[in-house]
Amino acid sequence: MQLAAKQTLNNSLFENTRSFLVWSFALTVCFLVVGFPAGFVLVSIGVLMAVLLHAVMPISSVILVVAGILALNVLIVLVSAAILTIKGIKPQDVSWLSWLHGDAELHYEQVYASCPLTCQLSE
């Protein structure tokens, strides 16, 4: 009985860790691809902050701002992944993460560039 409970606990821990890591990866990719304009605005604000902080801390202002921006991005991704994992939302159940399902094979019909001119001709 204890062995079964321990095995279930290990399996649950493995599934939650796997879910957290997949969510972290998916959210990082989404932030890089979809959030590029937001990242551009964030970097622009960071540049202004570095210029303003340069009057107070001439040497470490840029390092402080860059570290703050990177820490904020990592924190947002990790907290979001933790919230989704704690709520029990599995990445495999989300429709926009179709690459995780693995069973959805796409079959495309081949269309050649000359097909509109020659497909109607018979040999």
C-alpha atoms as a PDB file:
ATOM      1  CA  MET A   1       0.000   0.000   0.000  1.00  0.00           C
ATOM      2  CA  GLN A   2       2.782   2.419   0.899  1.00  0.00           C
ATOM      3  CA  LEU A   3       4.703   1.512  -2.242  1.00  0.00           C
ATOM      4  CA  ALA A   4       1.691   2.352  -4.416  1.00  0.00           C
ATOM      5  CA  ALA A   5       1.194   5.674  -2.621  1.00  0.00           C
ATOM      6  CA  LYS A   6       4.887   6.550  -2.971  1.00  0.00           C
ATOM      7  CA  GLN A   7       4.850   5.604  -6.666  1.00  0.00           C
ATOM      8  CA  THR A   8       1.747   7.749  -7.241  1.00  0.00           C
ATOM      9  CA  LEU A   9       3.442  10.665  -5.464  1.00  0.00           C
ATOM     10  CA  ASN A  10       6.582  10.268  -7.598  1.00  0.00           C
ATOM     11  CA  ASN A  11       4.471  10.058 -10.760  1.00  0.00           C
ATOM     12  CA  SER A  12       2.521  13.173  -9.753  1.00  0.00           C
ATOM     13  CA  LEU A  13       5.747  15.035  -8.986  1.00  0.00           C
ATOM     14  CA  PHE A  14       7.170  13.993 -12.368  1.00  0.00           C
ATOM     15  CA  GLU A  15       4.020  15.100 -14.198  1.00  0.00           C
ATOM     16  CA  ASN A  16       3.941  18.474 -12.414  1.00  0.00           C
ATOM     17  CA  THR A  17       7.642  19.064 -13.101  1.00  0.00           C
ATOM     18  CA  ARG A  18       7.177  18.114 -16.740  1.00  0.00           C
ATOM     19  CA  SER A  19       4.121  20.375 -17.025  1.00  0.00           C
ATOM     20  CA  PHE A  20       6.020  23.291 -15.442  1.00  0.00           C
ATOM     21  CA  LEU A  21       8.985  22.879 -17.793  1.00  0.00           C
ATOM     22  CA  VAL A  22       6.790  22.594 -20.907  1.00  0.00           C
ATOM     23  CA  TRP A  23       4.788  25.661 -19.837  1.00  0.00           C
ATOM     24  CA  SER A  24       8.033  27.567 -19.223  1.00  0.00           C
ATOM     25  CA  PHE A  25       9.302  26.681 -22.695  1.00  0.00           C
ATOM     26  CA  ALA A  26       6.000  27.468 -24.432  1.00  0.00           C
ATOM     27  CA  LEU A  27       5.575  30.795 -22.646  1.00  0.00           C
ATOM     28  CA  THR A  28       9.172  31.788 -23.378  1.00  0.00           C
ATOM     29  CA  VAL A  29       8.714  31.057 -27.076  1.00  0.00           C
ATOM     30  CA  CYS A  30       5.401  32.916 -27.133  1.00  0.00           C
ATOM     31  CA  PHE A  31       6.949  35.894 -25.392  1.00  0.00           C
ATOM     32  CA  LEU A  32       9.827  35.986 -27.861  1.00  0.00           C
ATOM     33  CA  VAL A  33       7.651  35.624 -30.952  1.00  0.00           C
ATOM     34  CA  VAL A  34       4.377  37.318 -30.116  1.00  0.00           C
ATOM     35  CA  GLY A  35       5.691  39.707 -27.485  1.00  0.00           C
ATOM     36  CA  PHE A  36       8.362  41.260 -29.681  1.00  0.00           C
ATOM     37  CA  PRO A  37       6.631  44.673 -29.821  1.00  0.00           C
ATOM     38  CA  ALA A  38       6.201  44.621 -26.037  1.00  0.00           C
ATOM     39  CA  GLY A  39       9.869  43.695 -25.721  1.00  0.00           C
ATOM     40  CA  PHE A  40      10.793  46.623 -27.942  1.00  0.00           C
ATOM     41  CA  VAL A  41       8.833  48.999 -25.703  1.00  0.00           C
ATOM     42  CA  LEU A  42      10.411  47.405 -22.622  1.00  0.00           C
ATOM     43  CA  VAL A  43      13.914  47.893 -24.033  1.00  0.00           C
ATOM     44  CA  SER A  44      13.135  51.501 -24.957  1.00  0.00           C
ATOM     45  CA  ILE A  45      12.004  52.194 -21.394  1.00  0.00           C
ATOM     46  CA  GLY A  46      15.128  50.416 -20.149  1.00  0.00           C
ATOM     47  CA  VAL A  47      17.362  52.660 -22.216  1.00  0.00           C
ATOM     48  CA  LEU A  48      15.661  55.738 -20.775  1.00  0.00           C
ATOM     49  CA  MET A  49      16.040  54.331 -17.245  1.00  0.00           C
ATOM     50  CA  ALA A  50      19.740  53.650 -17.846  1.00  0.00           C
ATOM     51  CA  VAL A  51      20.284  57.209 -19.037  1.00  0.00           C
ATOM     52  CA  LEU A  52      18.461  58.602 -16.002  1.00  0.00           C
ATOM     53  CA  LEU A  53      20.323  56.316 -13.583  1.00  0.00           C
ATOM     54  CA  HIS A  54      23.638  57.217 -15.174  1.00  0.00           C
ATOM     55  CA  ALA A  55      23.585  60.534 -13.291  1.00  0.00           C
ATOM     56  CA  VAL A  56      23.305  58.687  -9.970  1.00  0.00           C
ATOM     57  CA  MET A  57      25.372  55.534 -10.648  1.00  0.00           C
ATOM     58  CA  PRO A  58      27.677  56.144 -13.627  1.00  0.00           C
ATOM     59  CA  ILE A  59      29.255  52.690 -13.824  1.00  0.00           C
ATOM     60  CA  SER A  60      26.572  50.201 -12.906  1.00  0.00           C
ATOM     61  CA  SER A  61      23.416  51.810 -14.283  1.00  0.00           C
ATOM     62  CA  VAL A  62      23.351  49.807 -17.513  1.00  0.00           C
ATOM     63  CA  ILE A  63      24.104  46.543 -15.720  1.00  0.00           C
ATOM     64  CA  LEU A  64      21.373  47.246 -13.176  1.00  0.00           C
ATOM     65  CA  VAL A  65      18.754  48.033 -15.833  1.00  0.00           C
ATOM     66  CA  VAL A  66      19.637  45.021 -18.009  1.00  0.00           C
ATOM     67  CA  ALA A  67      19.587  42.694 -15.001  1.00  0.00           C
ATOM     68  CA  GLY A  68      16.240  44.143 -13.933  1.00  0.00           C
ATOM     69  CA  ILE A  69      14.673  43.678 -17.370  1.00  0.00           C
ATOM     70  CA  LEU A  70      15.936  40.107 -17.693  1.00  0.00           C
ATOM     71  CA  ALA A  71      14.846  39.259 -14.149  1.00  0.00           C
ATOM     72  CA  LEU A  72      11.390  40.704 -14.826  1.00  0.00           C
ATOM     73  CA  ASN A  73      11.000  38.634 -18.003  1.00  0.00           C
ATOM     74  CA  VAL A  74      12.172  35.424 -16.317  1.00  0.00           C
ATOM     75  CA  LEU A  75       9.967  36.094 -13.310  1.00  0.00           C
ATOM     76  CA  ILE A  76       6.876  36.654 -15.470  1.00  0.00           C
ATOM     77  CA  VAL A  77       7.457  33.412 -17.389  1.00  0.00           C
ATOM     78  CA  LEU A  78       8.185  31.308 -14.299  1.00  0.00           C
ATOM     79  CA  VAL A  79       5.283  32.684 -12.255  1.00  0.00           C
ATOM     80  CA  SER A  80       2.892  32.172 -15.178  1.00  0.00           C
ATOM     81  CA  ALA A  81       4.118  28.597 -15.654  1.00  0.00           C
ATOM     82  CA  ALA A  82       3.774  27.917 -11.921  1.00  0.00           C
ATOM     83  CA  ILE A  83       0.220  29.300 -11.845  1.00  0.00           C
ATOM     84  CA  LEU A  84      -0.825  27.199 -14.839  1.00  0.00           C
ATOM     85  CA  THR A  85       0.765  24.097 -13.295  1.00  0.00           C
ATOM     86  CA  ILE A  86      -0.835  24.681  -9.876  1.00  0.00           C
ATOM     87  CA  LYS A  87      -4.256  25.182 -11.469  1.00  0.00           C
ATOM     88  CA  GLY A  88      -3.827  21.780 -13.112  1.00  0.00           C
ATOM     89  CA  ILE A  89      -3.942  22.976 -16.705  1.00  0.00           C
ATOM     90  CA  LYS A  90      -1.947  20.469 -18.717  1.00  0.00           C
ATOM     91  CA  PRO A  91      -0.120  21.728 -21.817  1.00  0.00           C
ATOM     92  CA  GLN A  92      -1.421  18.735 -23.782  1.00  0.00           C
ATOM     93  CA  ASP A  93      -5.025  19.871 -23.207  1.00  0.00           C
ATOM     94  CA  VAL A  94      -4.538  23.333 -24.695  1.00  0.00           C
ATOM     95  CA  SER A  95      -5.625  23.585 -28.328  1.00  0.00           C
ATOM     96  CA  TRP A  96      -3.068  26.205 -29.410  1.00  0.00           C
ATOM     97  CA  LEU A  97      -0.200  23.916 -28.388  1.00  0.00           C
ATOM     98  CA  SER A  98      -0.996  21.381 -31.098  1.00  0.00           C
ATOM     99  CA  TRP A  99       2.644  20.302 -31.462  1.00  0.00           C
ATOM    100  CA  LEU A 100       2.357  18.595 -28.072  1.00  0.00           C
ATOM    101  CA  HIS A 101      -0.408  16.244 -29.153  1.00  0.00           C
ATOM    102  CA  GLY A 102       1.811  14.318 -31.553  1.00  0.00           C
ATOM    103  CA  ASP A 103      -1.034  12.414 -33.186  1.00  0.00           C
ATOM    104  CA  ALA A 104      -2.230  15.205 -35.467  1.00  0.00           C
ATOM    105  CA  GLU A 105      -0.495  14.513 -38.748  1.00  0.00           C
ATOM    106  CA  LEU A 106      -0.911  17.078 -41.457  1.00  0.00           C
ATOM    107  CA  HIS A 107      -1.351  15.864 -44.999  1.00  0.00           C
ATOM    108  CA  TYR A 108      -0.995  18.430 -47.722  1.00  0.00           C
ATOM    109  CA  GLU A 109      -1.783  17.908 -51.366  1.00  0.00           C
ATOM    110  CA  GLN A 110       1.149  18.761 -53.556  1.00  0.00           C
ATOM    111  CA  VAL A 111       0.509  21.669 -55.877  1.00  0.00           C
ATOM    112  CA  TYR A 112       3.180  22.585 -58.374  1.00  0.00           C
ATOM    113  CA  ALA A 113       3.728  26.052 -59.757  1.00  0.00           C
ATOM    114  CA  SER A 114       2.846  24.978 -63.292  1.00  0.00           C
ATOM    115  CA  CYS A 115      -0.314  23.140 -62.242  1.00  0.00           C
ATOM    116  CA  PRO A 116      -2.778  25.871 -63.220  1.00  0.00           C
ATOM    117  CA  LEU A 117      -1.443  25.653 -66.794  1.00  0.00           C
ATOM    118  CA  THR A 118      -0.887  21.919 -67.170  1.00  0.00           C
ATOM    119  CA  CYS A 119      -3.172  20.085 -64.752  1.00  0.00           C
ATOM    120  CA  GLN A 120      -6.064  20.170 -67.169  1.00  0.00           C
ATOM    121  CA  LEU A 121      -4.063  18.515 -69.983  1.00  0.00           C
ATOM    122  CA  SER A 122      -4.283  14.777 -70.337  1.00  0.00           C
ATOM    123  CA  GLU A 123      -1.415  12.719 -71.649  1.00  0.00           C
END
